[in-house]
Each structure stands twice: as C-alpha cells, then as structure tokens.
Amino acid sequence: MAIWEGVMAKRYSIAEARHNLAALVHKLECTTLIELTRRGEPVAVLLSIREYQRLVIEKRGFWQAYESFRSTSCPIP
C-alpha cells in the first residue's frame, strides 16, 4: 500500500484494474482512492466521487467539513 498525503491507498496494476474494474469501483464507495501502477511504479489514481467533489468544491468551514466526513464515512463492518 502507498501513502498519499496521509491516506492509505490500495495499489493495483493496470492489468489488475482492467480485469477487476467493477470491483474497484465498488471499493471506491468505502475508500477515497486507489492507486494504479505500471511495472510497480504509480502512474494514476482512481478517486471516489466524494473525494473528487471534495477537491473541486469551495473550501468549507471546519464544522461543515466534519459533518460531511461523518455523513460519508463507511461504517466499520
């Protein structure tokens, strides 16, 4: 696993991602990103829609960010 700005990212080769795309998209419902590699080197990132929206929308105050985090966090099984 790789660390991306304090976030643990699962790593998959591009070949693995190609064969398991539906499963990876499903995993993005409970994680923020998945790192794709080519020959062991990171080359791309798949982001959940929540993470993408967080990155592109205007900055919010602490309380709004906290409430958003609480509402989108996946429960621990």
PDB file of N, CA and C in Angstrom:
ATOM      1  N   MET A   1       0.833  -1.184   0.000  1.00  0.00           N
ATOM      2  CA  MET A   1       0.000   0.000   0.000  1.00  0.00           C
ATOM      3  C   MET A   1       0.873   1.241   0.000  1.00  0.00           C
ATOM      4  N   ALA A   2       0.381   2.277  -0.612  1.00  0.00           N
ATOM      5  CA  ALA A   2       1.105   3.533  -0.676  1.00  0.00           C
ATOM      6  C   ALA A   2       0.426   4.561   0.220  1.00  0.00           C
ATOM      7  N   ILE A   3       1.184   5.526   0.646  1.00  0.00           N
ATOM      8  CA  ILE A   3       0.602   6.619   1.427  1.00  0.00           C
ATOM      9  C   ILE A   3       0.548   7.840   0.530  1.00  0.00           C
ATOM     10  N   TRP A   4      -0.629   8.415   0.402  1.00  0.00           N
ATOM     11  CA  TRP A   4      -0.838   9.587  -0.448  1.00  0.00           C
ATOM     12  C   TRP A   4      -1.390  10.688   0.425  1.00  0.00           C
ATOM     13  N   GLU A   5      -0.547  11.628   0.818  1.00  0.00           N
ATOM     14  CA  GLU A   5      -0.914  12.740   1.683  1.00  0.00           C
ATOM     15  C   GLU A   5      -1.670  12.259   2.918  1.00  0.00           C
ATOM     16  N   GLY A   6      -1.115  11.267   3.597  1.00  0.00           N
ATOM     17  CA  GLY A   6      -1.699  10.793   4.838  1.00  0.00           C
ATOM     18  C   GLY A   6      -2.817   9.778   4.668  1.00  0.00           C
ATOM     19  N   VAL A   7      -3.158   9.422   3.447  1.00  0.00           N
ATOM     20  CA  VAL A   7      -4.228   8.469   3.185  1.00  0.00           C
ATOM     21  C   VAL A   7      -3.613   7.175   2.681  1.00  0.00           C
ATOM     22  N   MET A   8      -4.019   6.053   3.252  1.00  0.00           N
ATOM     23  CA  MET A   8      -3.530   4.768   2.776  1.00  0.00           C
ATOM     24  C   MET A   8      -4.260   4.429   1.478  1.00  0.00           C
ATOM     25  N   ALA A   9      -3.499   4.171   0.439  1.00  0.00           N
ATOM     26  CA  ALA A   9      -4.086   3.863  -0.862  1.00  0.00           C
ATOM     27  C   ALA A   9      -3.822   2.406  -1.211  1.00  0.00           C
ATOM     28  N   LYS A  10      -4.841   1.727  -1.680  1.00  0.00           N
ATOM     29  CA  LYS A  10      -4.635   0.378  -2.199  1.00  0.00           C
ATOM     30  C   LYS A  10      -3.984   0.513  -3.558  1.00  0.00           C
ATOM     31  N   ARG A  11      -3.092  -0.410  -3.893  1.00  0.00           N
ATOM     32  CA  ARG A  11      -2.373  -0.376  -5.168  1.00  0.00           C
ATOM     33  C   ARG A  11      -2.777  -1.572  -6.017  1.00  0.00           C
ATOM     34  N   TYR A  12      -3.010  -1.284  -7.290  1.00  0.00           N
ATOM     35  CA  TYR A  12      -3.322  -2.331  -8.262  1.00  0.00           C
ATOM     36  C   TYR A  12      -2.573  -2.010  -9.543  1.00  0.00           C
ATOM     37  N   SER A  13      -2.134  -3.056 -10.215  1.00  0.00           N
ATOM     38  CA  SER A  13      -1.525  -2.836 -11.521  1.00  0.00           C
ATOM     39  C   SER A  13      -2.634  -2.469 -12.507  1.00  0.00           C
ATOM     40  N   ILE A  14      -2.246  -1.870 -13.613  1.00  0.00           N
ATOM     41  CA  ILE A  14      -3.231  -1.523 -14.635  1.00  0.00           C
ATOM     42  C   ILE A  14      -3.919  -2.793 -15.142  1.00  0.00           C
ATOM     43  N   ALA A  15      -3.173  -3.875 -15.295  1.00  0.00           N
ATOM     44  CA  ALA A  15      -3.765  -5.139 -15.746  1.00  0.00           C
ATOM     45  C   ALA A  15      -4.807  -5.639 -14.755  1.00  0.00           C
ATOM     46  N   GLU A  16      -4.501  -5.586 -13.452  1.00  0.00           N
ATOM     47  CA  GLU A  16      -5.470  -5.997 -12.431  1.00  0.00           C
ATOM     48  C   GLU A  16      -6.708  -5.105 -12.493  1.00  0.00           C
ATOM     49  N   ALA A  17      -6.498  -3.809 -12.639  1.00  0.00           N
ATOM     50  CA  ALA A  17      -7.615  -2.866 -12.700  1.00  0.00           C
ATOM     51  C   ALA A  17      -8.502  -3.140 -13.909  1.00  0.00           C
ATOM     52  N   ARG A  18      -7.893  -3.450 -15.036  1.00  0.00           N
ATOM     53  CA  ARG A  18      -8.647  -3.737 -16.252  1.00  0.00           C
ATOM     54  C   ARG A  18      -9.564  -4.945 -16.042  1.00  0.00           C
ATOM     55  N   HIS A  19      -9.056  -5.965 -15.384  1.00  0.00           N
ATOM     56  CA  HIS A  19      -9.836  -7.187 -15.177  1.00  0.00           C
ATOM     57  C   HIS A  19     -10.831  -7.078 -14.033  1.00  0.00           C
ATOM     58  N   ASN A  20     -10.645  -6.116 -13.138  1.00  0.00           N
ATOM     59  CA  ASN A  20     -11.489  -6.011 -11.944  1.00  0.00           C
ATOM     60  C   ASN A  20     -12.108  -4.627 -11.779  1.00  0.00           C
ATOM     61  N   LEU A  21     -12.377  -3.945 -12.866  1.00  0.00           N
ATOM     62  CA  LEU A  21     -12.846  -2.561 -12.779  1.00  0.00           C
ATOM     63  C   LEU A  21     -14.117  -2.438 -11.947  1.00  0.00           C
ATOM     64  N   ALA A  22     -15.083  -3.296 -12.164  1.00  0.00           N
ATOM     65  CA  ALA A  22     -16.344  -3.204 -11.414  1.00  0.00           C
ATOM     66  C   ALA A  22     -16.094  -3.340  -9.910  1.00  0.00           C
ATOM     67  N   ALA A  23     -15.237  -4.264  -9.521  1.00  0.00           N
ATOM     68  CA  ALA A  23     -14.926  -4.452  -8.104  1.00  0.00           C
ATOM     69  C   ALA A  23     -14.192  -3.241  -7.537  1.00  0.00           C
ATOM     70  N   LEU A  24     -13.291  -2.646  -8.322  1.00  0.00           N
ATOM     71  CA  LEU A  24     -12.565  -1.465  -7.846  1.00  0.00           C
ATOM     72  C   LEU A  24     -13.513  -0.280  -7.669  1.00  0.00           C
ATOM     73  N   VAL A  25     -14.432  -0.106  -8.591  1.00  0.00           N
ATOM     74  CA  VAL A  25     -15.412   0.975  -8.457  1.00  0.00           C
ATOM     75  C   VAL A  25     -16.248   0.743  -7.204  1.00  0.00           C
ATOM     76  N   HIS A  26     -16.611  -0.490  -6.949  1.00  0.00           N
ATOM     77  CA  HIS A  26     -17.365  -0.811  -5.733  1.00  0.00           C
ATOM     78  C   HIS A  26     -16.546  -0.466  -4.484  1.00  0.00           C
ATOM     79  N   LYS A  27     -15.243  -0.771  -4.490  1.00  0.00           N
ATOM     80  CA  LYS A  27     -14.375  -0.453  -3.352  1.00  0.00           C
ATOM     81  C   LYS A  27     -14.297   1.050  -3.106  1.00  0.00           C
ATOM     82  N   LEU A  28     -14.416   1.837  -4.172  1.00  0.00           N
ATOM     83  CA  LEU A  28     -14.333   3.294  -4.015  1.00  0.00           C
ATOM     84  C   LEU A  28     -15.510   3.864  -3.247  1.00  0.00           C
ATOM     85  N   GLU A  29     -16.550   3.067  -3.028  1.00  0.00           N
ATOM     86  CA  GLU A  29     -17.664   3.524  -2.209  1.00  0.00           C
ATOM     87  C   GLU A  29     -17.259   3.637  -0.742  1.00  0.00           C
ATOM     88  N   CYS A  30     -16.228   2.899  -0.346  1.00  0.00           N
ATOM     89  CA  CYS A  30     -15.794   2.908   1.057  1.00  0.00           C
ATOM     90  C   CYS A  30     -14.358   3.384   1.248  1.00  0.00           C
ATOM     91  N   THR A  31     -13.707   3.799   0.195  1.00  0.00           N
ATOM     92  CA  THR A  31     -12.351   4.332   0.299  1.00  0.00           C
ATOM     93  C   THR A  31     -12.250   5.546  -0.608  1.00  0.00           C
ATOM     94  N   THR A  32     -11.272   6.386  -0.392  1.00  0.00           N
ATOM     95  CA  THR A  32     -11.206   7.620  -1.165  1.00  0.00           C
ATOM     96  C   THR A  32     -10.436   7.485  -2.459  1.00  0.00           C
ATOM     97  N   LEU A  33      -9.443   6.583  -2.493  1.00  0.00           N
ATOM     98  CA  LEU A  33      -8.664   6.473  -3.716  1.00  0.00           C
ATOM     99  C   LEU A  33      -8.024   5.103  -3.858  1.00  0.00           C
ATOM    100  N   ILE A  34      -7.714   4.775  -5.100  1.00  0.00           N
ATOM    101  CA  ILE A  34      -6.999   3.555  -5.454  1.00  0.00           C
ATOM    102  C   ILE A  34      -5.887   3.964  -6.407  1.00  0.00           C
ATOM    103  N   GLU A  35      -4.684   3.517  -6.116  1.00  0.00           N
ATOM    104  CA  GLU A  35      -3.524   3.869  -6.931  1.00  0.00           C
ATOM    105  C   GLU A  35      -3.287   2.790  -7.984  1.00  0.00           C
ATOM    106  N   LEU A  36      -3.047   3.207  -9.227  1.00  0.00           N
ATOM    107  CA  LEU A  36      -2.743   2.284 -10.314  1.00  0.00           C
ATOM    108  C   LEU A  36      -1.253   2.347 -10.626  1.00  0.00           C
ATOM    109  N   THR A  37      -0.677   1.181 -10.888  1.00  0.00           N
ATOM    110  CA  THR A  37       0.761   1.113 -11.141  1.00  0.00           C
ATOM    111  C   THR A  37       1.049   0.477 -12.493  1.00  0.00           C
ATOM    112  N   ARG A  38       2.194   0.820 -13.029  1.00  0.00           N
ATOM    113  CA  ARG A  38       2.725   0.182 -14.230  1.00  0.00           C
ATOM    114  C   ARG A  38       4.148  -0.237 -13.884  1.00  0.00           C
ATOM    115  N   ARG A  39       4.417  -1.521 -13.988  1.00  0.00           N
ATOM    116  CA  ARG A  39       5.724  -2.080 -13.624  1.00  0.00           C
ATOM    117  C   ARG A  39       6.140  -1.674 -12.208  1.00  0.00           C
ATOM    118  N   GLY A  40       5.161  -1.639 -11.313  1.00  0.00           N
ATOM    119  CA  GLY A  40       5.425  -1.337  -9.910  1.00  0.00           C
ATOM    120  C   GLY A  40       5.513   0.132  -9.563  1.00  0.00           C
ATOM    121  N   GLU A  41       5.451   1.014 -10.548  1.00  0.00           N
ATOM    122  CA  GLU A  41       5.547   2.450 -10.303  1.00  0.00           C
ATOM    123  C   GLU A  41       4.160   3.090 -10.398  1.00  0.00           C
ATOM    124  N   PRO A  42       3.800   3.954  -9.458  1.00  0.00           N
ATOM    125  CA  PRO A  42       2.496   4.611  -9.513  1.00  0.00           C
ATOM    126  C   PRO A  42       2.378   5.512 -10.745  1.00  0.00           C
ATOM    127  N   VAL A  43       1.241   5.394 -11.474  1.00  0.00           N
ATOM    128  CA  VAL A  43       1.039   6.199 -12.675  1.00  0.00           C
ATOM    129  C   VAL A  43      -0.303   6.926 -12.692  1.00  0.00           C
ATOM    130  N   ALA A  44      -1.256   6.477 -11.888  1.00  0.00           N
ATOM    131  CA  ALA A  44      -2.581   7.098 -11.907  1.00  0.00           C
ATOM    132  C   ALA A  44      -3.313   6.811 -10.603  1.00  0.00           C
ATOM    133  N   VAL A  45      -4.404   7.544 -10.396  1.00  0.00           N
ATOM    134  CA  VAL A  45      -5.216   7.363  -9.202  1.00  0.00           C
ATOM    135  C   VAL A  45      -6.687   7.345  -9.607  1.00  0.00           C
ATOM    136  N   LEU A  46      -7.436   6.401  -9.041  1.00  0.00           N
ATOM    137  CA  LEU A  46      -8.887   6.402  -9.166  1.00  0.00           C
ATOM    138  C   LEU A  46      -9.435   7.045  -7.898  1.00  0.00           C
ATOM    139  N   LEU A  47     -10.306   8.039  -8.043  1.00  0.00           N
ATOM    140  CA  LEU A  47     -10.889   8.729  -6.896  1.00  0.00           C
ATOM    141  C   LEU A  47     -12.360   8.405  -6.763  1.00  0.00           C
ATOM    142  N   SER A  48     -12.832   8.327  -5.525  1.00  0.00           N
ATOM    143  CA  SER A  48     -14.271   8.221  -5.312  1.00  0.00           C
ATOM    144  C   SER A  48     -14.902   9.560  -5.699  1.00  0.00           C
ATOM    145  N   ILE A  49     -16.172   9.537  -6.026  1.00  0.00           N
ATOM    146  CA  ILE A  49     -16.851  10.776  -6.390  1.00  0.00           C
ATOM    147  C   ILE A  49     -16.861  11.736  -5.202  1.00  0.00           C
ATOM    148  N   ARG A  50     -16.964  11.199  -3.994  1.00  0.00           N
ATOM    149  CA  ARG A  50     -16.938  12.068  -2.805  1.00  0.00           C
ATOM    150  C   ARG A  50     -15.612  12.814  -2.703  1.00  0.00           C
ATOM    151  N   GLU A  51     -14.511  12.094  -2.926  1.00  0.00           N
ATOM    152  CA  GLU A  51     -13.190  12.727  -2.844  1.00  0.00           C
ATOM    153  C   GLU A  51     -13.016  13.743  -3.964  1.00  0.00           C
ATOM    154  N   TYR A  52     -13.467  13.398  -5.163  1.00  0.00           N
ATOM    155  CA  TYR A  52     -13.373  14.330  -6.289  1.00  0.00           C
ATOM    156  C   TYR A  52     -14.153  15.610  -5.990  1.00  0.00           C
ATOM    157  N   GLN A  53     -15.375  15.464  -5.510  1.00  0.00           N
ATOM    158  CA  GLN A  53     -16.180  16.640  -5.192  1.00  0.00           C
ATOM    159  C   GLN A  53     -15.541  17.461  -4.079  1.00  0.00           C
ATOM    160  N   ARG A  54     -14.959  16.784  -3.096  1.00  0.00           N
ATOM    161  CA  ARG A  54     -14.292  17.496  -2.006  1.00  0.00           C
ATOM    162  C   ARG A  54     -13.147  18.346  -2.539  1.00  0.00           C
ATOM    163  N   LEU A  55     -12.440  17.819  -3.526  1.00  0.00           N
ATOM    164  CA  LEU A  55     -11.294  18.537  -4.078  1.00  0.00           C
ATOM    165  C   LEU A  55     -11.698  19.715  -4.966  1.00  0.00           C
ATOM    166  N   VAL A  56     -12.849  19.651  -5.607  1.00  0.00           N
ATOM    167  CA  VAL A  56     -13.208  20.695  -6.570  1.00  0.00           C
ATOM    168  C   VAL A  56     -14.192  21.725  -6.039  1.00  0.00           C
ATOM    169  N   ILE A  57     -14.906  21.441  -4.972  1.00  0.00           N
ATOM    170  CA  ILE A  57     -15.846  22.439  -4.453  1.00  0.00           C
ATOM    171  C   ILE A  57     -15.117  23.441  -3.582  1.00  0.00           C
ATOM    172  N   GLU A  58     -15.811  24.533  -3.316  1.00  0.00           N
ATOM    173  CA  GLU A  58     -15.218  25.588  -2.491  1.00  0.00           C
ATOM    174  C   GLU A  58     -14.870  25.059  -1.111  1.00  0.00           C
ATOM    175  N   LYS A  59     -13.869  25.692  -0.518  1.00  0.00           N
ATOM    176  CA  LYS A  59     -13.466  25.314   0.838  1.00  0.00           C
ATOM    177  C   LYS A  59     -14.601  25.652   1.801  1.00  0.00           C
ATOM    178  N   ARG A  60     -14.809  24.748   2.737  1.00  0.00           N
ATOM    179  CA  ARG A  60     -15.851  24.950   3.732  1.00  0.00           C
ATOM    180  C   ARG A  60     -15.210  25.151   5.099  1.00  0.00           C
ATOM    181  N   GLY A  61     -16.008  25.565   6.034  1.00  0.00           N
ATOM    182  CA  GLY A  61     -15.545  25.711   7.405  1.00  0.00           C
ATOM    183  C   GLY A  61     -15.340  24.347   8.045  1.00  0.00           C
ATOM    184  N   PHE A  62     -14.703  24.344   9.200  1.00  0.00           N
ATOM    185  CA  PHE A  62     -14.404  23.092   9.885  1.00  0.00           C
ATOM    186  C   PHE A  62     -15.661  22.283  10.161  1.00  0.00           C
ATOM    187  N   TRP A  63     -16.686  22.920  10.720  1.00  0.00           N
ATOM    188  CA  TRP A  63     -17.883  22.183  11.115  1.00  0.00           C
ATOM    189  C   TRP A  63     -18.564  21.543   9.900  1.00  0.00           C
ATOM    190  N   GLN A  64     -18.655  22.265   8.805  1.00  0.00           N
ATOM    191  CA  GLN A  64     -19.261  21.711   7.593  1.00  0.00           C
ATOM    192  C   GLN A  64     -18.438  20.534   7.074  1.00  0.00           C
ATOM    193  N   ALA A  65     -17.127  20.663   7.091  1.00  0.00           N
ATOM    194  CA  ALA A  65     -16.260  19.578   6.644  1.00  0.00           C
ATOM    195  C   ALA A  65     -16.414  18.359   7.550  1.00  0.00           C
ATOM    196  N   TYR A  66     -16.517  18.589   8.849  1.00  0.00           N
ATOM    197  CA  TYR A  66     -16.683  17.495   9.810  1.00  0.00           C
ATOM    198  C   TYR A  66     -18.002  16.769   9.582  1.00  0.00           C
ATOM    199  N   GLU A  67     -19.078  17.509   9.422  1.00  0.00           N
ATOM    200  CA  GLU A  67     -20.388  16.910   9.175  1.00  0.00           C
ATOM    201  C   GLU A  67     -20.386  16.124   7.860  1.00  0.00           C
ATOM    202  N   SER A  68     -19.747  16.652   6.846  1.00  0.00           N
ATOM    203  CA  SER A  68     -19.652  15.953   5.563  1.00  0.00           C
ATOM    204  C   SER A  68     -18.886  14.646   5.730  1.00  0.00           C
ATOM    205  N   PHE A  69     -17.792  14.683   6.448  1.00  0.00           N
ATOM    206  CA  PHE A  69     -16.998  13.482   6.699  1.00  0.00           C
ATOM    207  C   PHE A  69     -17.827  12.429   7.420  1.00  0.00           C
ATOM    208  N   ARG A  70     -18.551  12.842   8.442  1.00  0.00           N
ATOM    209  CA  ARG A  70     -19.360  11.897   9.214  1.00  0.00           C
ATOM    210  C   ARG A  70     -20.457  11.270   8.374  1.00  0.00           C
ATOM    211  N   SER A  71     -21.020  12.047   7.462  1.00  0.00           N
ATOM    212  CA  SER A  71     -22.135  11.515   6.667  1.00  0.00           C
ATOM    213  C   SER A  71     -21.664  10.610   5.536  1.00  0.00           C
ATOM    214  N   THR A  72     -20.401  10.706   5.123  1.00  0.00           N
ATOM    215  CA  THR A  72     -19.914   9.885   4.003  1.00  0.00           C
ATOM    216  C   THR A  72     -18.999   8.751   4.441  1.00  0.00           C
ATOM    217  N   SER A  73     -18.666   8.659   5.711  1.00  0.00           N
ATOM    218  CA  SER A  73     -17.789   7.592   6.167  1.00  0.00           C
ATOM    219  C   SER A  73     -18.526   6.268   6.144  1.00  0.00           C
ATOM    220  N   CYS A  74     -17.844   5.241   5.703  1.00  0.00           N
ATOM    221  CA  CYS A  74     -18.428   3.899   5.683  1.00  0.00           C
ATOM    222  C   CYS A  74     -18.369   3.319   7.091  1.00  0.00           C
ATOM    223  N   PRO A  75     -19.437   2.686   7.516  1.00  0.00           N
ATOM    224  CA  PRO A  75     -19.385   2.056   8.850  1.00  0.00           C
ATOM    225  C   PRO A  75     -18.405   0.884   8.841  1.00  0.00           C
ATOM    226  N   ILE A  76     -17.817   0.650   9.966  1.00  0.00           N
ATOM    227  CA  ILE A  76     -16.891  -0.477  10.110  1.00  0.00           C
ATOM    228  C   ILE A  76     -17.723  -1.733  10.260  1.00  0.00           C
ATOM    229  N   PRO A  77     -17.465  -2.740   9.431  1.00  0.00           N
ATOM    230  CA  PRO A  77     -18.278  -3.972   9.492  1.00  0.00           C
ATOM    231  C   PRO A  77     -18.076  -4.744  10.760  1.00  0.00           C
TER     232      PRO A  77
END
